[in-house]
Amino acid sequence: MSTFTAAVRWQRNGALFSDKKYGRSHVWSFDGGAQVAASSSPHNVPVPYSDPAAVDPEEAFVAAVSSCHMLWFLSIACRGGFVVESYDDDAEGLMQKNAAGKQAVTRVTLRPRVAFSGPAPNVETFLAMHHEAHQECFIANSIKSEVECSPTLV
């Protein structure tokens, strides 16, 4: 069993608060020392109360799914004797009401573009590698959202 932690820090910084006009900017800190500027999404809370330059939880959720899938794919490719030169993904999350009528990220679409050095897998093997990565991804196995993967062989 493993435990993963993230520290989330927010301060009122003198805002009245009761008028709902307080800043939603905060900081995520991770065990390795990385700090990320975070905020509510401007789609949910208008600027200036949200910081559009910061990462919002919905974006982080989509990035976590994409990153986990990529890390598994790289492991599978390495194990298969393939050399990945680059991996790029423009992932997208869809926010809408779920079956319970609650707002949720109901779908994450991954669009990985993968380039190989040397011999590349054939399309069938490439798709099977992505299927295996999806099956192994800790984040995809942890969420209710459907996770789609539409990879591109470069």
Protein backbone atom coordinates (compact mmCIF):
# COMPACT_ATOMS: atom_id res chain seq x y z
CA MET A 1 0.00 0.00 0.00
CA SER A 2 1.18 3.52 -0.80
CA THR A 3 0.07 6.91 0.40
CA PHE A 4 0.26 10.04 -1.72
CA THR A 5 -0.04 13.54 -0.35
CA ALA A 6 -0.59 17.06 -1.59
CA ALA A 7 -0.76 20.18 0.54
CA VAL A 8 -3.36 22.74 -0.51
CA ARG A 9 -2.93 26.22 0.96
CA TRP A 10 -5.35 29.18 0.69
CA GLN A 11 -5.55 32.46 2.60
CA ARG A 12 -8.29 35.08 2.71
CA ASN A 13 -5.76 37.93 2.45
CA GLY A 14 -8.11 40.53 3.91
CA ALA A 15 -11.11 39.93 1.64
CA LEU A 16 -14.52 40.41 3.30
CA PHE A 17 -15.47 36.78 2.45
CA SER A 18 -19.16 37.04 3.41
CA ASP A 19 -19.85 38.93 0.16
CA LYS A 20 -18.47 35.97 -1.88
CA LYS A 21 -15.88 38.32 -3.42
CA TYR A 22 -12.82 36.49 -2.14
CA GLY A 23 -9.97 35.18 -4.23
CA ARG A 24 -9.93 31.49 -5.09
CA SER A 25 -6.18 31.41 -5.84
CA HIS A 26 -4.23 28.92 -3.76
CA VAL A 27 -1.08 26.79 -3.93
CA TRP A 28 -0.61 23.04 -4.30
CA SER A 29 2.61 21.71 -2.79
CA PHE A 30 3.97 18.24 -3.34
CA ASP A 31 6.46 16.10 -1.43
CA GLY A 32 9.28 16.64 -3.93
CA GLY A 33 9.10 20.40 -3.46
CA ALA A 34 7.05 21.32 -6.53
CA GLN A 35 4.53 24.10 -6.03
CA VAL A 36 1.70 24.82 -8.43
CA ALA A 37 -0.43 27.96 -8.58
CA ALA A 38 -4.04 26.79 -8.46
CA SER A 39 -7.45 28.43 -8.58
CA SER A 40 -11.06 27.78 -9.30
CA SER A 41 -11.87 27.67 -13.00
CA PRO A 42 -12.96 30.95 -14.57
CA HIS A 43 -15.76 28.83 -16.09
CA ASN A 44 -17.15 28.43 -12.56
CA VAL A 45 -16.06 31.58 -10.71
CA PRO A 46 -15.47 34.80 -12.66
CA VAL A 47 -12.19 36.71 -12.85
CA PRO A 48 -10.86 38.45 -10.70
CA TYR A 49 -11.92 35.86 -8.10
CA SER A 50 -10.40 33.09 -10.24
CA ASP A 51 -6.93 33.22 -11.72
CA PRO A 52 -7.05 32.04 -15.34
CA ALA A 53 -3.24 31.59 -15.34
CA ALA A 54 -3.43 29.04 -12.52
CA VAL A 55 -4.29 25.35 -12.77
CA ASP A 56 -7.83 24.52 -11.76
CA PRO A 57 -8.92 21.15 -10.31
CA GLU A 58 -10.70 20.14 -13.50
CA GLU A 59 -7.57 20.75 -15.59
CA ALA A 60 -5.46 18.91 -13.02
CA PHE A 61 -7.85 15.96 -13.17
CA VAL A 62 -7.53 15.73 -16.96
CA ALA A 63 -3.73 16.11 -16.73
CA ALA A 64 -3.53 13.35 -14.10
CA VAL A 65 -5.43 10.92 -16.33
CA SER A 66 -3.25 11.82 -19.33
CA SER A 67 0.01 11.65 -17.40
CA CYS A 68 -0.80 8.28 -15.82
CA HIS A 69 -1.76 6.80 -19.20
CA MET A 70 1.46 8.14 -20.77
CA LEU A 71 3.67 6.72 -18.02
CA TRP A 72 2.12 3.27 -18.43
CA PHE A 73 2.41 3.50 -22.23
CA LEU A 74 6.12 4.37 -21.99
CA SER A 75 6.68 1.39 -19.68
CA ILE A 76 4.83 -0.95 -22.04
CA ALA A 77 6.73 0.37 -25.08
CA CYS A 78 10.07 -0.06 -23.29
CA ARG A 79 9.18 -3.59 -22.23
CA GLY A 80 8.21 -4.35 -25.84
CA GLY A 81 11.57 -3.18 -27.16
CA PHE A 82 10.22 -0.01 -28.79
CA VAL A 83 11.99 3.34 -28.39
CA VAL A 84 9.60 6.25 -27.93
CA GLU A 85 11.06 9.48 -29.25
CA SER A 86 8.18 11.74 -28.23
CA TYR A 87 4.73 11.53 -26.71
CA ASP A 88 2.33 14.47 -26.90
CA ASP A 89 -1.27 14.49 -25.71
CA ASP A 90 -3.88 17.23 -25.98
CA ALA A 91 -6.30 15.71 -23.48
CA GLU A 92 -9.77 17.11 -22.94
CA GLY A 93 -12.30 16.71 -20.17
CA LEU A 94 -16.04 17.17 -20.64
CA MET A 95 -17.94 18.74 -17.73
CA GLN A 96 -21.67 18.10 -17.71
CA LYS A 97 -24.39 16.73 -15.46
CA ASN A 98 -23.95 13.06 -14.62
CA ALA A 99 -26.71 10.47 -14.14
CA ALA A 100 -27.33 11.80 -10.61
CA GLY A 101 -27.81 15.33 -11.97
CA LYS A 102 -24.50 16.57 -10.49
CA GLN A 103 -21.84 18.50 -12.39
CA ALA A 104 -18.97 16.11 -13.13
CA VAL A 105 -16.14 15.49 -15.54
CA THR A 106 -18.00 12.69 -17.29
CA ARG A 107 -15.49 11.97 -20.01
CA VAL A 108 -11.79 12.41 -20.58
CA THR A 109 -10.53 12.08 -24.14
CA LEU A 110 -6.85 11.37 -24.62
CA ARG A 111 -5.28 12.14 -28.00
CA PRO A 112 -1.72 10.88 -27.71
CA ARG A 113 0.60 11.35 -30.69
CA VAL A 114 3.54 9.02 -30.38
CA ALA A 115 6.72 9.00 -32.45
CA PHE A 116 9.22 6.15 -32.29
CA SER A 117 12.93 5.95 -33.09
CA GLY A 118 13.73 2.84 -35.06
CA PRO A 119 11.07 0.20 -35.62
CA ALA A 120 7.57 1.30 -34.61
CA PRO A 121 4.80 -1.10 -33.63
CA ASN A 122 2.19 -1.88 -36.25
CA VAL A 123 -1.20 -0.21 -35.76
CA GLU A 124 -2.74 -3.26 -34.07
CA THR A 125 0.12 -3.52 -31.56
CA PHE A 126 0.12 0.25 -31.02
CA LEU A 127 -3.59 0.24 -30.16
CA ALA A 128 -3.13 -2.81 -27.92
CA MET A 129 -0.35 -0.98 -26.07
CA HIS A 130 -2.70 1.94 -25.43
CA HIS A 131 -5.45 -0.45 -24.31
CA GLU A 132 -3.08 -2.06 -21.83
CA ALA A 133 -1.93 1.37 -20.59
CA HIS A 134 -5.56 2.31 -19.98
CA GLN A 135 -6.20 -0.95 -18.12
CA GLU A 136 -3.17 -0.38 -15.88
CA CYS A 137 -3.60 3.37 -15.25
CA PHE A 138 -4.14 3.95 -11.52
CA ILE A 139 -6.08 7.16 -12.12
CA ALA A 140 -8.43 5.66 -14.71
CA ASN A 141 -9.02 2.75 -12.34
CA SER A 142 -9.86 5.20 -9.55
CA ILE A 143 -12.53 7.35 -11.17
CA LYS A 144 -16.13 7.04 -12.30
CA SER A 145 -15.60 9.09 -15.45
CA GLU A 146 -15.34 7.33 -18.75
CA VAL A 147 -11.83 7.64 -20.13
CA GLU A 148 -11.43 7.51 -23.88
CA CYS A 149 -8.17 7.22 -25.73
CA SER A 150 -7.84 8.20 -29.38
CA PRO A 151 -4.11 7.76 -30.09
CA THR A 152 -2.24 8.82 -33.21
CA LEU A 153 0.78 6.93 -34.50
CA VAL A 154 3.34 9.46 -35.77
